[in-house]
């Protein structure tokens, strides 16, 4: 009987700690982590939806601007000096800028 007084309380305490308290704490930690992950996932989802909405707003204007820019003829004016004489060459976006033959030979 005296032995039971010394063995039963620590054994009971160890059993309760091992099979009740520790699993309960582990479950609570896991639940907290799941809640945090869910909150972060909601924030990411909301920011993605916001970005998609902003892209949809910008898409119309950017499409119009791209169409206008592609329909315009673009020209490039190149001014250069060769042997003390100023030259000008105008090139549009559909042709390659090629220096006259006398310049290419001297280079």
Protein backbone atom coordinates (compact mmCIF):
# COMPACT_ATOMS: atom_id res chain seq x y z
CA UNK A 1 0.00 0.00 0.00
CA UNK A 2 2.84 2.37 0.77
CA UNK A 3 4.43 1.50 -2.55
CA UNK A 4 1.20 2.44 -4.35
CA UNK A 5 1.27 5.86 -2.67
CA UNK A 6 4.69 6.51 -4.22
CA UNK A 7 4.07 4.93 -7.63
CA UNK A 8 0.47 5.75 -8.60
CA UNK A 9 0.55 9.60 -8.52
CA UNK A 10 3.72 9.96 -10.66
CA UNK A 11 2.55 7.22 -13.00
CA UNK A 12 -0.88 8.86 -13.34
CA UNK A 13 0.74 12.24 -13.91
CA UNK A 14 3.05 10.80 -16.58
CA UNK A 15 0.16 8.98 -18.32
CA UNK A 16 -2.02 12.12 -18.36
CA UNK A 17 0.87 14.24 -19.61
CA UNK A 18 1.87 11.69 -22.25
CA UNK A 19 -1.56 10.74 -23.62
CA UNK A 20 -3.77 13.80 -22.92
CA UNK A 21 -1.82 17.03 -22.51
CA UNK A 22 0.89 16.63 -25.19
CA UNK A 23 -1.51 15.51 -27.94
CA UNK A 24 -3.86 18.36 -27.00
CA UNK A 25 -1.06 20.92 -27.24
CA UNK A 26 0.13 19.47 -30.55
CA UNK A 27 -3.40 19.61 -31.94
CA UNK A 28 -3.80 23.24 -30.77
CA UNK A 29 -0.48 24.23 -32.42
CA UNK A 30 -1.46 22.51 -35.65
CA UNK A 31 -4.86 24.24 -35.63
CA UNK A 32 -3.17 27.61 -35.12
CA UNK A 33 -0.78 26.96 -38.03
CA UNK A 34 -3.67 25.86 -40.26
CA UNK A 35 -5.54 29.06 -39.42
CA UNK A 36 -2.47 31.18 -40.23
CA UNK A 37 -1.95 29.35 -43.54
CA UNK A 38 -5.59 29.87 -44.44
CA UNK A 39 -5.31 33.57 -43.64
CA UNK A 40 -2.18 33.96 -45.80
CA UNK A 41 -3.85 32.01 -48.63
CA UNK A 42 -6.87 34.33 -48.44
CA UNK A 43 -4.60 37.39 -48.61
CA UNK A 44 -2.76 35.99 -51.63
CA UNK A 45 -6.04 35.12 -53.33
CA UNK A 46 -7.39 38.63 -52.69
CA UNK A 47 -4.24 40.27 -54.06
CA UNK A 48 -4.38 38.09 -57.19
CA UNK A 49 -8.00 39.04 -57.78
CA UNK A 50 -7.11 42.71 -57.31
CA UNK A 51 -4.22 42.40 -59.79
CA UNK A 52 -6.47 40.70 -62.35
CA UNK A 53 -9.04 43.47 -61.97
CA UNK A 54 -6.36 46.13 -62.47
CA UNK A 55 -5.04 44.32 -65.54
CA UNK A 56 -8.56 44.22 -66.98
CA UNK A 57 -8.85 47.99 -66.48
CA UNK A 58 -5.51 48.66 -68.13
CA UNK A 59 -5.97 46.17 -70.98
CA UNK A 60 -8.43 48.31 -72.96
CA UNK A 61 -6.26 51.40 -72.90
CA UNK A 62 -3.07 49.50 -73.66
CA UNK A 63 -4.70 47.69 -76.59
CA UNK A 64 -5.86 51.01 -78.05
CA UNK A 65 -2.42 52.55 -77.57
CA UNK A 66 -0.71 49.55 -79.16
CA UNK A 67 -3.07 49.71 -82.16
CA UNK A 68 -2.42 53.43 -82.65
CA UNK A 69 1.35 53.01 -82.38
CA UNK A 70 1.44 50.11 -84.81
CA UNK A 71 -0.61 52.01 -87.40
CA UNK A 72 1.65 55.07 -87.34
CA UNK A 73 4.63 55.29 -89.65
CA UNK A 74 7.72 55.76 -87.56
CA UNK A 75 10.68 57.59 -88.94
CA UNK A 76 14.18 58.03 -87.68
CA UNK A 77 16.25 61.06 -88.60
CA UNK A 78 19.97 60.39 -88.38
CA UNK A 79 22.37 63.30 -88.63
CA UNK A 80 26.05 62.61 -88.92
CA UNK A 81 29.18 64.28 -90.08
CA UNK A 82 31.55 62.68 -92.56
CA UNK A 83 34.77 64.45 -93.50
CA UNK A 84 33.43 67.75 -92.20
CA UNK A 85 30.15 67.56 -94.15
CA UNK A 86 26.83 67.12 -92.33
CA UNK A 87 24.54 64.41 -93.72
CA UNK A 88 20.97 63.47 -92.90
CA UNK A 89 19.33 60.10 -93.44
CA UNK A 90 15.63 59.45 -92.86
CA UNK A 91 14.63 55.84 -92.27
CA UNK A 92 11.22 54.44 -91.42
CA UNK A 93 10.54 51.34 -89.35
CA UNK A 94 10.25 49.11 -92.41
CA UNK A 95 13.69 49.66 -93.87
CA UNK A 96 17.16 49.09 -92.59
CA UNK A 97 19.43 52.05 -92.03
CA UNK A 98 22.40 51.55 -94.32
CA UNK A 99 25.20 54.04 -94.66
CA UNK A 100 26.04 55.14 -98.20
CA UNK A 101 28.84 53.10 -99.86
CA UNK A 102 31.53 55.76 -99.50
CA UNK A 103 31.08 55.68 -95.69
CA UNK A 104 31.16 51.91 -95.47
CA UNK A 105 34.40 51.74 -97.47
CA UNK A 106 36.21 54.12 -95.13
CA UNK A 107 35.23 52.28 -91.94
